[in-house]
Amino acid sequence: MLSESEAEFRSYFILLTMDNEEGMNVLQYIKSLAPPIYHSEEVQHVLDIFQARRSKNYVKFFEQFKSSTYMNR
């Protein structure tokens, strides 16, 4: 059974590691996520941030960042 806050904490991990090895850690990490965690609102939001950062779309990056929860900033 999944913890109520597992998706939230997994999203923090993605944010903290998104610049490691040019994002390869994140790409490998998300493959290991259970489908309910991967498809959660929290993880999908930080994956949007990750993708914007990786593609150097800083307008989208900061738009996504501004709409994040306090802990995701």
PDB file of N, CA and C in Angstrom:
ATOM      1  N   MET A   1       0.837  -1.195   0.000  1.00  0.00           N
ATOM      2  CA  MET A   1       0.000   0.000   0.000  1.00  0.00           C
ATOM      3  C   MET A   1       0.881   1.258   0.000  1.00  0.00           C
ATOM      4  N   LEU A   2       0.455   2.248  -0.732  1.00  0.00           N
ATOM      5  CA  LEU A   2       1.214   3.478  -0.865  1.00  0.00           C
ATOM      6  C   LEU A   2       0.904   4.427   0.285  1.00  0.00           C
ATOM      7  N   SER A   3       1.910   5.134   0.709  1.00  0.00           N
ATOM      8  CA  SER A   3       1.734   6.142   1.739  1.00  0.00           C
ATOM      9  C   SER A   3       0.970   7.333   1.164  1.00  0.00           C
ATOM     10  N   GLU A   4       0.235   7.990   2.007  1.00  0.00           N
ATOM     11  CA  GLU A   4      -0.545   9.153   1.578  1.00  0.00           C
ATOM     12  C   GLU A   4       0.332  10.264   1.009  1.00  0.00           C
ATOM     13  N   SER A   5       1.548  10.383   1.509  1.00  0.00           N
ATOM     14  CA  SER A   5       2.422  11.473   1.069  1.00  0.00           C
ATOM     15  C   SER A   5       3.591  10.996   0.205  1.00  0.00           C
ATOM     16  N   GLU A   6       3.544   9.759  -0.259  1.00  0.00           N
ATOM     17  CA  GLU A   6       4.657   9.228  -1.052  1.00  0.00           C
ATOM     18  C   GLU A   6       4.890  10.024  -2.331  1.00  0.00           C
ATOM     19  N   ALA A   7       3.846  10.354  -3.044  1.00  0.00           N
ATOM     20  CA  ALA A   7       3.999  11.113  -4.299  1.00  0.00           C
ATOM     21  C   ALA A   7       4.646  12.470  -4.033  1.00  0.00           C
ATOM     22  N   GLU A   8       4.254  13.103  -2.955  1.00  0.00           N
ATOM     23  CA  GLU A   8       4.834  14.400  -2.599  1.00  0.00           C
ATOM     24  C   GLU A   8       6.341  14.277  -2.375  1.00  0.00           C
ATOM     25  N   PHE A   9       6.756  13.290  -1.606  1.00  0.00           N
ATOM     26  CA  PHE A   9       8.178  13.152  -1.303  1.00  0.00           C
ATOM     27  C   PHE A   9       8.973  12.661  -2.509  1.00  0.00           C
ATOM     28  N   ARG A  10       8.363  11.886  -3.343  1.00  0.00           N
ATOM     29  CA  ARG A  10       9.049  11.480  -4.572  1.00  0.00           C
ATOM     30  C   ARG A  10       9.234  12.687  -5.495  1.00  0.00           C
ATOM     31  N   SER A  11       8.276  13.587  -5.487  1.00  0.00           N
ATOM     32  CA  SER A  11       8.416  14.799  -6.302  1.00  0.00           C
ATOM     33  C   SER A  11       9.558  15.674  -5.782  1.00  0.00           C
ATOM     34  N   TYR A  12       9.756  15.709  -4.471  1.00  0.00           N
ATOM     35  CA  TYR A  12      10.895  16.459  -3.910  1.00  0.00           C
ATOM     36  C   TYR A  12      12.212  15.852  -4.391  1.00  0.00           C
ATOM     37  N   PHE A  13      12.282  14.541  -4.410  1.00  0.00           N
ATOM     38  CA  PHE A  13      13.498  13.880  -4.879  1.00  0.00           C
ATOM     39  C   PHE A  13      13.793  14.265  -6.327  1.00  0.00           C
ATOM     40  N   ILE A  14      12.771  14.294  -7.149  1.00  0.00           N
ATOM     41  CA  ILE A  14      12.964  14.673  -8.558  1.00  0.00           C
ATOM     42  C   ILE A  14      13.495  16.094  -8.653  1.00  0.00           C
ATOM     43  N   LEU A  15      12.925  16.997  -7.885  1.00  0.00           N
ATOM     44  CA  LEU A  15      13.403  18.383  -7.908  1.00  0.00           C
ATOM     45  C   LEU A  15      14.859  18.484  -7.462  1.00  0.00           C
ATOM     46  N   LEU A  16      15.209  17.721  -6.441  1.00  0.00           N
ATOM     47  CA  LEU A  16      16.567  17.791  -5.908  1.00  0.00           C
ATOM     48  C   LEU A  16      17.608  17.173  -6.825  1.00  0.00           C
ATOM     49  N   THR A  17      17.193  16.269  -7.689  1.00  0.00           N
ATOM     50  CA  THR A  17      18.168  15.574  -8.541  1.00  0.00           C
ATOM     51  C   THR A  17      18.037  15.924 -10.020  1.00  0.00           C
ATOM     52  N   MET A  18      17.197  16.874 -10.369  1.00  0.00           N
ATOM     53  CA  MET A  18      16.954  17.116 -11.784  1.00  0.00           C
ATOM     54  C   MET A  18      18.160  17.635 -12.554  1.00  0.00           C
ATOM     55  N   ASP A  19      19.157  18.163 -11.884  1.00  0.00           N
ATOM     56  CA  ASP A  19      20.352  18.628 -12.590  1.00  0.00           C
ATOM     57  C   ASP A  19      21.507  17.637 -12.511  1.00  0.00           C
ATOM     58  N   ASN A  20      21.340  16.550 -11.777  1.00  0.00           N
ATOM     59  CA  ASN A  20      22.395  15.538 -11.684  1.00  0.00           C
ATOM     60  C   ASN A  20      22.511  14.786 -13.003  1.00  0.00           C
ATOM     61  N   GLU A  21      23.726  14.664 -13.483  1.00  0.00           N
ATOM     62  CA  GLU A  21      24.006  13.924 -14.710  1.00  0.00           C
ATOM     63  C   GLU A  21      23.085  14.344 -15.854  1.00  0.00           C
ATOM     64  N   GLU A  22      22.858  15.634 -15.964  1.00  0.00           N
ATOM     65  CA  GLU A  22      22.014  16.215 -17.019  1.00  0.00           C
ATOM     66  C   GLU A  22      20.610  15.612 -17.042  1.00  0.00           C
ATOM     67  N   GLY A  23      20.098  15.276 -15.867  1.00  0.00           N
ATOM     68  CA  GLY A  23      18.736  14.777 -15.758  1.00  0.00           C
ATOM     69  C   GLY A  23      18.592  13.282 -15.928  1.00  0.00           C
ATOM     70  N   MET A  24      19.687  12.585 -16.187  1.00  0.00           N
ATOM     71  CA  MET A  24      19.595  11.143 -16.403  1.00  0.00           C
ATOM     72  C   MET A  24      19.106  10.425 -15.150  1.00  0.00           C
ATOM     73  N   ASN A  25      19.474  10.924 -13.973  1.00  0.00           N
ATOM     74  CA  ASN A  25      18.991  10.296 -12.734  1.00  0.00           C
ATOM     75  C   ASN A  25      17.471  10.335 -12.670  1.00  0.00           C
ATOM     76  N   VAL A  26      16.882  11.436 -13.055  1.00  0.00           N
ATOM     77  CA  VAL A  26      15.426  11.569 -13.029  1.00  0.00           C
ATOM     78  C   VAL A  26      14.796  10.614 -14.032  1.00  0.00           C
ATOM     79  N   LEU A  27      15.340  10.550 -15.211  1.00  0.00           N
ATOM     80  CA  LEU A  27      14.777   9.668 -16.242  1.00  0.00           C
ATOM     81  C   LEU A  27      14.819   8.210 -15.803  1.00  0.00           C
ATOM     82  N   GLN A  28      15.894   7.803 -15.161  1.00  0.00           N
ATOM     83  CA  GLN A  28      15.985   6.442 -14.641  1.00  0.00           C
ATOM     84  C   GLN A  28      15.042   6.251 -13.459  1.00  0.00           C
ATOM     85  N   TYR A  29      14.963   7.246 -12.607  1.00  0.00           N
ATOM     86  CA  TYR A  29      14.147   7.163 -11.395  1.00  0.00           C
ATOM     87  C   TYR A  29      12.659   7.019 -11.727  1.00  0.00           C
ATOM     88  N   ILE A  30      12.161   7.791 -12.668  1.00  0.00           N
ATOM     89  CA  ILE A  30      10.721   7.749 -12.938  1.00  0.00           C
ATOM     90  C   ILE A  30      10.293   6.409 -13.530  1.00  0.00           C
ATOM     91  N   LYS A  31      11.229   5.689 -14.138  1.00  0.00           N
ATOM     92  CA  LYS A  31      10.901   4.359 -14.651  1.00  0.00           C
ATOM     93  C   LYS A  31      10.556   3.390 -13.526  1.00  0.00           C
ATOM     94  N   SER A  32      11.080   3.661 -12.328  1.00  0.00           N
ATOM     95  CA  SER A  32      10.862   2.756 -11.202  1.00  0.00           C
ATOM     96  C   SER A  32       9.607   3.096 -10.390  1.00  0.00           C
ATOM     97  N   LEU A  33       8.951   4.190 -10.716  1.00  0.00           N
ATOM     98  CA  LEU A  33       7.783   4.608  -9.939  1.00  0.00           C
ATOM     99  C   LEU A  33       6.566   3.745 -10.263  1.00  0.00           C
ATOM    100  N   ALA A  34       5.809   3.437  -9.235  1.00  0.00           N
ATOM    101  CA  ALA A  34       4.542   2.723  -9.433  1.00  0.00           C
ATOM    102  C   ALA A  34       3.602   3.644 -10.220  1.00  0.00           C
ATOM    103  N   PRO A  35       2.775   3.087 -11.089  1.00  0.00           N
ATOM    104  CA  PRO A  35       1.875   3.933 -11.891  1.00  0.00           C
ATOM    105  C   PRO A  35       1.051   4.948 -11.095  1.00  0.00           C
ATOM    106  N   PRO A  36       0.491   4.606  -9.936  1.00  0.00           N
ATOM    107  CA  PRO A  36      -0.273   5.634  -9.200  1.00  0.00           C
ATOM    108  C   PRO A  36       0.597   6.812  -8.747  1.00  0.00           C
ATOM    109  N   ILE A  37       1.864   6.535  -8.442  1.00  0.00           N
ATOM    110  CA  ILE A  37       2.782   7.610  -8.041  1.00  0.00           C
ATOM    111  C   ILE A  37       3.176   8.426  -9.272  1.00  0.00           C
ATOM    112  N   TYR A  38       3.553   7.743 -10.338  1.00  0.00           N
ATOM    113  CA  TYR A  38       3.964   8.426 -11.567  1.00  0.00           C
ATOM    114  C   TYR A  38       2.862   9.352 -12.078  1.00  0.00           C
ATOM    115  N   HIS A  39       1.629   8.902 -12.040  1.00  0.00           N
ATOM    116  CA  HIS A  39       0.507   9.679 -12.579  1.00  0.00           C
ATOM    117  C   HIS A  39      -0.087  10.660 -11.571  1.00  0.00           C
ATOM    118  N   SER A  40       0.497  10.749 -10.385  1.00  0.00           N
ATOM    119  CA  SER A  40      -0.035  11.676  -9.381  1.00  0.00           C
ATOM    120  C   SER A  40       0.170  13.122  -9.822  1.00  0.00           C
ATOM    121  N   GLU A  41      -0.653  13.982  -9.303  1.00  0.00           N
ATOM    122  CA  GLU A  41      -0.571  15.410  -9.631  1.00  0.00           C
ATOM    123  C   GLU A  41       0.788  15.993  -9.251  1.00  0.00           C
ATOM    124  N   GLU A  42       1.305  15.604  -8.089  1.00  0.00           N
ATOM    125  CA  GLU A  42       2.585  16.150  -7.609  1.00  0.00           C
ATOM    126  C   GLU A  42       3.734  15.769  -8.541  1.00  0.00           C
ATOM    127  N   VAL A  43       3.812  14.498  -8.887  1.00  0.00           N
ATOM    128  CA  VAL A  43       4.914  14.045  -9.742  1.00  0.00           C
ATOM    129  C   VAL A  43       4.771  14.626 -11.148  1.00  0.00           C
ATOM    130  N   GLN A  44       3.586  14.652 -11.683  1.00  0.00           N
ATOM    131  CA  GLN A  44       3.398  15.218 -13.020  1.00  0.00           C
ATOM    132  C   GLN A  44       3.782  16.696 -13.060  1.00  0.00           C
ATOM    133  N   HIS A  45       3.477  17.414 -11.992  1.00  0.00           N
ATOM    134  CA  HIS A  45       3.835  18.838 -11.934  1.00  0.00           C
ATOM    135  C   HIS A  45       5.357  19.018 -11.962  1.00  0.00           C
ATOM    136  N   VAL A  46       6.079  18.271 -11.140  1.00  0.00           N
ATOM    137  CA  VAL A  46       7.536  18.437 -11.144  1.00  0.00           C
ATOM    138  C   VAL A  46       8.162  17.885 -12.419  1.00  0.00           C
ATOM    139  N   LEU A  47       7.527  16.923 -13.063  1.00  0.00           N
ATOM    140  CA  LEU A  47       8.040  16.476 -14.355  1.00  0.00           C
ATOM    141  C   LEU A  47       7.869  17.562 -15.416  1.00  0.00           C
ATOM    142  N   ASP A  48       6.814  18.355 -15.317  1.00  0.00           N
ATOM    143  CA  ASP A  48       6.668  19.513 -16.206  1.00  0.00           C
ATOM    144  C   ASP A  48       7.793  20.517 -15.955  1.00  0.00           C
ATOM    145  N   ILE A  49       8.109  20.741 -14.687  1.00  0.00           N
ATOM    146  CA  ILE A  49       9.216  21.638 -14.329  1.00  0.00           C
ATOM    147  C   ILE A  49      10.528  21.075 -14.871  1.00  0.00           C
ATOM    148  N   PHE A  50      10.751  19.791 -14.650  1.00  0.00           N
ATOM    149  CA  PHE A  50      11.961  19.123 -15.128  1.00  0.00           C
ATOM    150  C   PHE A  50      12.099  19.253 -16.648  1.00  0.00           C
ATOM    151  N   GLN A  51      11.032  18.986 -17.361  1.00  0.00           N
ATOM    152  CA  GLN A  51      11.072  19.060 -18.825  1.00  0.00           C
ATOM    153  C   GLN A  51      11.351  20.484 -19.307  1.00  0.00           C
ATOM    154  N   ALA A  52      10.736  21.453 -18.665  1.00  0.00           N
ATOM    155  CA  ALA A  52      10.982  22.854 -19.037  1.00  0.00           C
ATOM    156  C   ALA A  52      12.439  23.221 -18.784  1.00  0.00           C
ATOM    157  N   ARG A  53      12.981  22.782 -17.674  1.00  0.00           N
ATOM    158  CA  ARG A  53      14.385  23.058 -17.344  1.00  0.00           C
ATOM    159  C   ARG A  53      15.315  22.361 -18.330  1.00  0.00           C
ATOM    160  N   ARG A  54      15.018  21.134 -18.617  1.00  0.00           N
ATOM    161  CA  ARG A  54      15.868  20.345 -19.512  1.00  0.00           C
ATOM    162  C   ARG A  54      15.866  20.909 -20.934  1.00  0.00           C
ATOM    163  N   SER A  55      14.733  21.428 -21.368  1.00  0.00           N
ATOM    164  CA  SER A  55      14.636  21.987 -22.723  1.00  0.00           C
ATOM    165  C   SER A  55      15.000  23.473 -22.766  1.00  0.00           C
ATOM    166  N   LYS A  56      15.412  24.009 -21.624  1.00  0.00           N
ATOM    167  CA  LYS A  56      15.806  25.417 -21.494  1.00  0.00           C
ATOM    168  C   LYS A  56      14.666  26.380 -21.826  1.00  0.00           C
ATOM    169  N   ASN A  57      13.444  25.948 -21.553  1.00  0.00           N
ATOM    170  CA  ASN A  57      12.267  26.801 -21.723  1.00  0.00           C
ATOM    171  C   ASN A  57      12.019  27.490 -20.383  1.00  0.00           C
ATOM    172  N   TYR A  58      12.736  28.577 -20.154  1.00  0.00           N
ATOM    173  CA  TYR A  58      12.716  29.217 -18.845  1.00  0.00           C
ATOM    174  C   TYR A  58      11.410  29.939 -18.556  1.00  0.00           C
ATOM    175  N   VAL A  59      10.700  30.362 -19.574  1.00  0.00           N
ATOM    176  CA  VAL A  59       9.388  30.969 -19.353  1.00  0.00           C
ATOM    177  C   VAL A  59       8.454  29.928 -18.732  1.00  0.00           C
ATOM    178  N   LYS A  60       8.392  28.760 -19.361  1.00  0.00           N
ATOM    179  CA  LYS A  60       7.549  27.690 -18.821  1.00  0.00           C
ATOM    180  C   LYS A  60       8.065  27.231 -17.458  1.00  0.00           C
ATOM    181  N   PHE A  61       9.385  27.151 -17.309  1.00  0.00           N
ATOM    182  CA  PHE A  61       9.975  26.740 -16.037  1.00  0.00           C
ATOM    183  C   PHE A  61       9.480  27.629 -14.904  1.00  0.00           C
ATOM    184  N   PHE A  62       9.585  28.943 -15.088  1.00  0.00           N
ATOM    185  CA  PHE A  62       9.182  29.846 -14.009  1.00  0.00           C
ATOM    186  C   PHE A  62       7.665  29.903 -13.834  1.00  0.00           C
ATOM    187  N   GLU A  63       6.915  29.716 -14.897  1.00  0.00           N
ATOM    188  CA  GLU A  63       5.453  29.635 -14.748  1.00  0.00           C
ATOM    189  C   GLU A  63       5.068  28.424 -13.909  1.00  0.00           C
ATOM    190  N   GLN A  64       5.672  27.289 -14.214  1.00  0.00           N
ATOM    191  CA  GLN A  64       5.406  26.078 -13.440  1.00  0.00           C
ATOM    192  C   GLN A  64       5.882  26.233 -12.003  1.00  0.00           C
ATOM    193  N   PHE A  65       7.044  26.812 -11.849  1.00  0.00           N
ATOM    194  CA  PHE A  65       7.614  27.015 -10.521  1.00  0.00           C
ATOM    195  C   PHE A  65       6.705  27.887  -9.662  1.00  0.00           C
ATOM    196  N   LYS A  66       6.194  28.969 -10.256  1.00  0.00           N
ATOM    197  CA  LYS A  66       5.314  29.881  -9.504  1.00  0.00           C
ATOM    198  C   LYS A  66       4.034  29.191  -9.061  1.00  0.00           C
ATOM    199  N   SER A  67       3.584  28.200  -9.800  1.00  0.00           N
ATOM    200  CA  SER A  67       2.350  27.520  -9.441  1.00  0.00           C
ATOM    201  C   SER A  67       2.580  26.331  -8.514  1.00  0.00           C
ATOM    202  N   SER A  68       3.821  26.138  -8.092  1.00  0.00           N
ATOM    203  CA  SER A  68       4.148  25.037  -7.185  1.00  0.00           C
ATOM    204  C   SER A  68       3.688  25.332  -5.772  1.00  0.00           C
ATOM    205  N   THR A  69       3.592  24.271  -4.987  1.00  0.00           N
ATOM    206  CA  THR A  69       3.317  24.447  -3.560  1.00  0.00           C
ATOM    207  C   THR A  69       4.548  25.067  -2.898  1.00  0.00           C
ATOM    208  N   TYR A  70       4.387  25.538  -1.719  1.00  0.00           N
ATOM    209  CA  TYR A  70       5.483  26.196  -0.995  1.00  0.00           C
ATOM    210  C   TYR A  70       6.691  25.277  -0.869  1.00  0.00           C
ATOM    211  N   MET A  71       6.470  24.020  -0.542  1.00  0.00           N
ATOM    212  CA  MET A  71       7.585  23.089  -0.346  1.00  0.00           C
ATOM    213  C   MET A  71       8.287  22.745  -1.642  1.00  0.00           C
ATOM    214  N   ASN A  72       7.639  22.866  -2.777  1.00  0.00           N
ATOM    215  CA  ASN A  72       8.263  22.549  -4.051  1.00  0.00           C
ATOM    216  C   ASN A  72       9.077  23.704  -4.621  1.00  0.00           C
ATOM    217  N   ARG A  73       9.157  24.791  -3.922  1.00  0.00           N
ATOM    218  CA  ARG A  73       9.910  25.940  -4.436  1.00  0.00           C
ATOM    219  C   ARG A  73      11.335  25.922  -3.964  1.00  0.00           C
TER     220      ARG A  73
END
